[in-house]
Each structure stands twice: as structure tokens, then as C-alpha cells.
Amino acid sequence: MKVILTRDVKGLGRVHDEVQVRDGHALNHLLPKKHAVPSTAAARKTADMRRREMSERAQVDAVLLAQNIAALAEERVIIRMKANEQGRLYDAVGAPEIAKAVKEQTRVDLPESVIKLEKPVKELGTVEVPLSAGDIFGSFSLEVEAE
């Protein structure tokens, strides 16, 4: 039976793909759980339209992300955390904290997945935070200060 996936299904395909599956799998699992719809001419046309929309949206998002990464190149973001006398932080600074600080201080919406730290920051000081999304690369300066 041919079906069109309404969401990504591991081992089968991505959303809006037309796939051939066994009748039992489609009738007992995919269709009842709304993971797929039967492949009809109207469903294929809708899937193609939505796939094009997703592609166009992804291109626009990539352009915006490139602009945001370029805008951050000259920025210095400051995070204040509790630390001991030796300069070690009580709590590590990771991608979620960095993304939140960037949004608050620079008004740039940066997804956590773009922040490519090798390991969380655990000491006071200045760190260069690498950013990458596909073929777009950049970095900005993060300063961790004691509260």
C-alpha cells in the first residue's frame, strides 16, 4: 500500500514522502495513529505543495540565520553566575543559557542547535563561542562574570 507520511517516521521516511509499506503496517499502525494518509492524487498534490512551502521557508530561515550569525560577530555577551573564590562556577553555562542571554542582550534569536560548544563553560572569563548551521559559520565573545 502506498501512503504519504504526515510526520517523520524512523526507518520509513520524512514528512510528505510517498512510501510503499505493507498493508498491515499501514492499516494497523500508520493510518490509525495519523502518521500517514492513503496516497491519492489529491494527497500527492497537497504533499508536493507543502514540501515546496517547507523548502522555501527553510531557505528564508537560512538567510535570516546567516544574518543573525553575522550580526553577532562584533557582539560581546555577558552572563553573570555564582562562582567560588577560585573562579569556578557553581553551575555550568551551556547552550540554553547562552541562547537566552543572546536574545536578552542583543535581540537576536539564536537557536540552541547553532551553538557548538565543545563543553559547557565552568570558569569565569572570556570564551569565544563557535556557531555553525550547515555551511554558515561564525562566533562571538562570551564573558562570564561573578555575581
C-alpha atoms as a PDB file:
ATOM      1  CA  MET A   1       0.000   0.000   0.000  1.00  0.00           C
ATOM      2  CA  LYS A   2       1.293   3.462  -0.841  1.00  0.00           C
ATOM      3  CA  VAL A   3       0.911   6.129   1.845  1.00  0.00           C
ATOM      4  CA  ILE A   4       2.070   9.711   2.308  1.00  0.00           C
ATOM      5  CA  LEU A   5       3.728  10.372   5.645  1.00  0.00           C
ATOM      6  CA  THR A   6       2.306  13.197   7.737  1.00  0.00           C
ATOM      7  CA  ARG A   7       5.356  13.243  10.021  1.00  0.00           C
ATOM      8  CA  ASP A   8       8.879  11.852  10.070  1.00  0.00           C
ATOM      9  CA  VAL A   9       8.843   8.097  10.717  1.00  0.00           C
ATOM     10  CA  LYS A  10      12.136   6.474  11.631  1.00  0.00           C
ATOM     11  CA  GLY A  11      13.071   3.809   9.127  1.00  0.00           C
ATOM     12  CA  LEU A  12      10.425   4.874   6.592  1.00  0.00           C
ATOM     13  CA  GLY A  13      10.928   8.459   5.566  1.00  0.00           C
ATOM     14  CA  ARG A  14      10.349  12.105   6.210  1.00  0.00           C
ATOM     15  CA  VAL A  15       7.173  14.152   6.305  1.00  0.00           C
ATOM     16  CA  HIS A  16       5.358  14.399   2.917  1.00  0.00           C
ATOM     17  CA  ASP A  17       7.258  11.432   1.421  1.00  0.00           C
ATOM     18  CA  GLU A  18       5.285   8.834  -0.500  1.00  0.00           C
ATOM     19  CA  VAL A  19       6.351   5.363   0.642  1.00  0.00           C
ATOM     20  CA  GLN A  20       5.334   1.790  -0.084  1.00  0.00           C
ATOM     21  CA  VAL A  21       4.545  -0.198   3.084  1.00  0.00           C
ATOM     22  CA  ARG A  22       2.834  -3.474   3.839  1.00  0.00           C
ATOM     23  CA  ASP A  23      -0.924  -3.258   4.094  1.00  0.00           C
ATOM     24  CA  GLY A  24      -0.976  -4.456   7.698  1.00  0.00           C
ATOM     25  CA  HIS A  25       1.557  -1.856   8.824  1.00  0.00           C
ATOM     26  CA  ALA A  26      -0.378   0.921   7.141  1.00  0.00           C
ATOM     27  CA  LEU A  27      -3.824  -0.200   8.321  1.00  0.00           C
ATOM     28  CA  ASN A  28      -2.853  -1.174  11.882  1.00  0.00           C
ATOM     29  CA  HIS A  29      -0.222   1.413  12.731  1.00  0.00           C
ATOM     30  CA  LEU A  30       0.390   4.340  10.379  1.00  0.00           C
ATOM     31  CA  LEU A  31      -3.172   5.298   9.467  1.00  0.00           C
ATOM     32  CA  PRO A  32      -4.822   4.922  12.924  1.00  0.00           C
ATOM     33  CA  LYS A  33      -2.048   6.928  14.599  1.00  0.00           C
ATOM     34  CA  LYS A  34      -2.271   9.574  11.858  1.00  0.00           C
ATOM     35  CA  HIS A  35       1.382   9.090  10.861  1.00  0.00           C
ATOM     36  CA  ALA A  36       0.276   8.739   7.242  1.00  0.00           C
ATOM     37  CA  VAL A  37      -2.639   9.169   4.844  1.00  0.00           C
ATOM     38  CA  PRO A  38      -3.525   6.970   1.854  1.00  0.00           C
ATOM     39  CA  SER A  39      -1.768   8.049  -1.323  1.00  0.00           C
ATOM     40  CA  THR A  40      -4.314   9.641  -3.633  1.00  0.00           C
ATOM     41  CA  ALA A  41      -3.922  12.229  -6.364  1.00  0.00           C
ATOM     42  CA  ALA A  42      -5.214  14.965  -4.054  1.00  0.00           C
ATOM     43  CA  ALA A  43      -2.945  13.848  -1.207  1.00  0.00           C
ATOM     44  CA  ARG A  44       0.109  13.799  -3.509  1.00  0.00           C
ATOM     45  CA  LYS A  45      -0.722  17.300  -4.783  1.00  0.00           C
ATOM     46  CA  THR A  46      -1.085  18.597  -1.207  1.00  0.00           C
ATOM     47  CA  ALA A  47       2.162  16.902  -0.139  1.00  0.00           C
ATOM     48  CA  ASP A  48       4.061  18.450  -3.082  1.00  0.00           C
ATOM     49  CA  MET A  49       2.692  21.900  -2.253  1.00  0.00           C
ATOM     50  CA  ARG A  50       3.624  21.569   1.412  1.00  0.00           C
ATOM     51  CA  ARG A  51       7.088  20.221   0.551  1.00  0.00           C
ATOM     52  CA  ARG A  52       7.696  23.303  -1.642  1.00  0.00           C
ATOM     53  CA  GLU A  53       6.469  25.600   1.167  1.00  0.00           C
ATOM     54  CA  MET A  54       8.804  23.898   3.644  1.00  0.00           C
ATOM     55  CA  SER A  55      11.719  24.274   1.225  1.00  0.00           C
ATOM     56  CA  GLU A  56      11.026  27.974   0.684  1.00  0.00           C
ATOM     57  CA  ARG A  57      10.644  28.534   4.431  1.00  0.00           C
ATOM     58  CA  ALA A  58      13.935  26.713   5.069  1.00  0.00           C
ATOM     59  CA  GLN A  59      15.704  28.978   2.560  1.00  0.00           C
ATOM     60  CA  VAL A  60      14.317  32.100   4.234  1.00  0.00           C
ATOM     61  CA  ASP A  61      15.278  30.755   7.673  1.00  0.00           C
ATOM     62  CA  ALA A  62      18.815  30.049   6.439  1.00  0.00           C
ATOM     63  CA  VAL A  63      19.192  33.630   5.175  1.00  0.00           C
ATOM     64  CA  LEU A  64      17.900  35.047   8.479  1.00  0.00           C
ATOM     65  CA  LEU A  65      20.191  32.756  10.468  1.00  0.00           C
ATOM     66  CA  ALA A  66      23.188  33.847   8.374  1.00  0.00           C
ATOM     67  CA  GLN A  67      22.321  37.488   9.055  1.00  0.00           C
ATOM     68  CA  ASN A  68      21.955  36.795  12.788  1.00  0.00           C
ATOM     69  CA  ILE A  69      25.297  34.991  12.961  1.00  0.00           C
ATOM     70  CA  ALA A  70      26.984  37.836  11.070  1.00  0.00           C
ATOM     71  CA  ALA A  71      25.403  40.407  13.416  1.00  0.00           C
ATOM     72  CA  LEU A  72      26.748  38.539  16.456  1.00  0.00           C
ATOM     73  CA  ALA A  73      30.348  38.582  15.198  1.00  0.00           C
ATOM     74  CA  GLU A  74      31.006  42.006  16.743  1.00  0.00           C
ATOM     75  CA  GLU A  75      28.917  41.468  19.891  1.00  0.00           C
ATOM     76  CA  ARG A  76      30.063  40.708  23.421  1.00  0.00           C
ATOM     77  CA  VAL A  77      27.521  38.880  25.560  1.00  0.00           C
ATOM     78  CA  ILE A  78      27.832  38.918  29.353  1.00  0.00           C
ATOM     79  CA  ILE A  79      26.490  36.235  31.693  1.00  0.00           C
ATOM     80  CA  ARG A  80      26.668  36.643  35.467  1.00  0.00           C
ATOM     81  CA  MET A  81      26.827  33.440  37.510  1.00  0.00           C
ATOM     82  CA  LYS A  82      27.693  32.482  41.083  1.00  0.00           C
ATOM     83  CA  ALA A  83      31.301  31.400  41.451  1.00  0.00           C
ATOM     84  CA  ASN A  84      33.731  30.438  44.219  1.00  0.00           C
ATOM     85  CA  GLU A  85      36.942  32.284  45.141  1.00  0.00           C
ATOM     86  CA  GLN A  86      38.996  30.308  42.604  1.00  0.00           C
ATOM     87  CA  GLY A  87      36.767  31.440  39.714  1.00  0.00           C
ATOM     88  CA  ARG A  88      34.954  28.120  39.245  1.00  0.00           C
ATOM     89  CA  LEU A  89      31.228  28.367  38.562  1.00  0.00           C
ATOM     90  CA  TYR A  90      28.746  26.540  40.778  1.00  0.00           C
ATOM     91  CA  ASP A  91      26.641  25.787  37.696  1.00  0.00           C
ATOM     92  CA  ALA A  92      27.950  25.319  34.150  1.00  0.00           C
ATOM     93  CA  VAL A  93      26.955  27.647  31.297  1.00  0.00           C
ATOM     94  CA  GLY A  94      25.651  25.707  28.302  1.00  0.00           C
ATOM     95  CA  ALA A  95      23.831  26.390  25.060  1.00  0.00           C
ATOM     96  CA  PRO A  96      20.410  27.118  26.654  1.00  0.00           C
ATOM     97  CA  GLU A  97      21.834  29.808  28.935  1.00  0.00           C
ATOM     98  CA  ILE A  98      23.891  31.318  26.113  1.00  0.00           C
ATOM     99  CA  ALA A  99      20.909  31.431  23.714  1.00  0.00           C
ATOM    100  CA  LYS A 100      18.784  33.122  26.398  1.00  0.00           C
ATOM    101  CA  ALA A 101      21.482  35.722  27.157  1.00  0.00           C
ATOM    102  CA  VAL A 102      21.997  36.464  23.447  1.00  0.00           C
ATOM    103  CA  LYS A 103      18.275  37.039  22.968  1.00  0.00           C
ATOM    104  CA  GLU A 104      18.005  39.302  26.036  1.00  0.00           C
ATOM    105  CA  GLN A 105      21.091  41.396  25.310  1.00  0.00           C
ATOM    106  CA  THR A 106      21.197  41.622  21.523  1.00  0.00           C
ATOM    107  CA  ARG A 107      17.593  40.864  20.455  1.00  0.00           C
ATOM    108  CA  VAL A 108      18.966  38.197  18.102  1.00  0.00           C
ATOM    109  CA  ASP A 109      17.008  34.941  18.192  1.00  0.00           C
ATOM    110  CA  LEU A 110      19.641  32.200  18.108  1.00  0.00           C
ATOM    111  CA  PRO A 111      18.590  28.520  18.213  1.00  0.00           C
ATOM    112  CA  GLU A 112      20.455  26.370  20.732  1.00  0.00           C
ATOM    113  CA  SER A 113      21.387  23.900  17.988  1.00  0.00           C
ATOM    114  CA  VAL A 114      23.596  26.542  16.325  1.00  0.00           C
ATOM    115  CA  ILE A 115      25.826  26.949  19.409  1.00  0.00           C
ATOM    116  CA  LYS A 116      28.696  24.481  19.077  1.00  0.00           C
ATOM    117  CA  LEU A 117      30.499  24.496  22.429  1.00  0.00           C
ATOM    118  CA  GLU A 118      32.886  21.574  22.938  1.00  0.00           C
ATOM    119  CA  LYS A 119      31.964  21.508  26.619  1.00  0.00           C
ATOM    120  CA  PRO A 120      29.985  23.776  28.974  1.00  0.00           C
ATOM    121  CA  VAL A 121      31.766  26.819  30.401  1.00  0.00           C
ATOM    122  CA  LYS A 122      32.688  26.193  34.058  1.00  0.00           C
ATOM    123  CA  GLU A 123      35.039  29.080  34.836  1.00  0.00           C
ATOM    124  CA  LEU A 124      34.937  32.868  34.886  1.00  0.00           C
ATOM    125  CA  GLY A 125      36.487  34.676  31.943  1.00  0.00           C
ATOM    126  CA  THR A 126      36.031  35.288  28.250  1.00  0.00           C
ATOM    127  CA  VAL A 127      35.233  32.478  25.842  1.00  0.00           C
ATOM    128  CA  GLU A 128      34.850  32.516  22.069  1.00  0.00           C
ATOM    129  CA  VAL A 129      31.565  30.737  21.281  1.00  0.00           C
ATOM    130  CA  PRO A 130      31.581  28.965  17.897  1.00  0.00           C
ATOM    131  CA  LEU A 131      28.393  28.992  15.821  1.00  0.00           C
ATOM    132  CA  SER A 132      27.557  26.832  12.832  1.00  0.00           C
ATOM    133  CA  ALA A 133      24.471  25.907  10.880  1.00  0.00           C
ATOM    134  CA  GLY A 134      25.124  23.880   7.746  1.00  0.00           C
ATOM    135  CA  ASP A 135      27.680  25.858   5.746  1.00  0.00           C
ATOM    136  CA  ILE A 136      27.253  29.033   7.826  1.00  0.00           C
ATOM    137  CA  PHE A 137      29.945  29.647  10.449  1.00  0.00           C
ATOM    138  CA  GLY A 138      30.668  32.392  12.936  1.00  0.00           C
ATOM    139  CA  SER A 139      31.495  33.150  16.533  1.00  0.00           C
ATOM    140  CA  PHE A 140      31.050  35.753  19.240  1.00  0.00           C
ATOM    141  CA  SER A 141      32.647  36.630  22.558  1.00  0.00           C
ATOM    142  CA  LEU A 142      31.013  35.447  25.784  1.00  0.00           C
ATOM    143  CA  GLU A 143      32.137  36.945  29.051  1.00  0.00           C
ATOM    144  CA  VAL A 144      31.259  35.050  32.227  1.00  0.00           C
ATOM    145  CA  GLU A 145      31.377  37.259  35.317  1.00  0.00           C
ATOM    146  CA  ALA A 146      30.777  36.575  39.003  1.00  0.00           C
ATOM    147  CA  GLU A 147      27.534  37.801  40.562  1.00  0.00           C
END
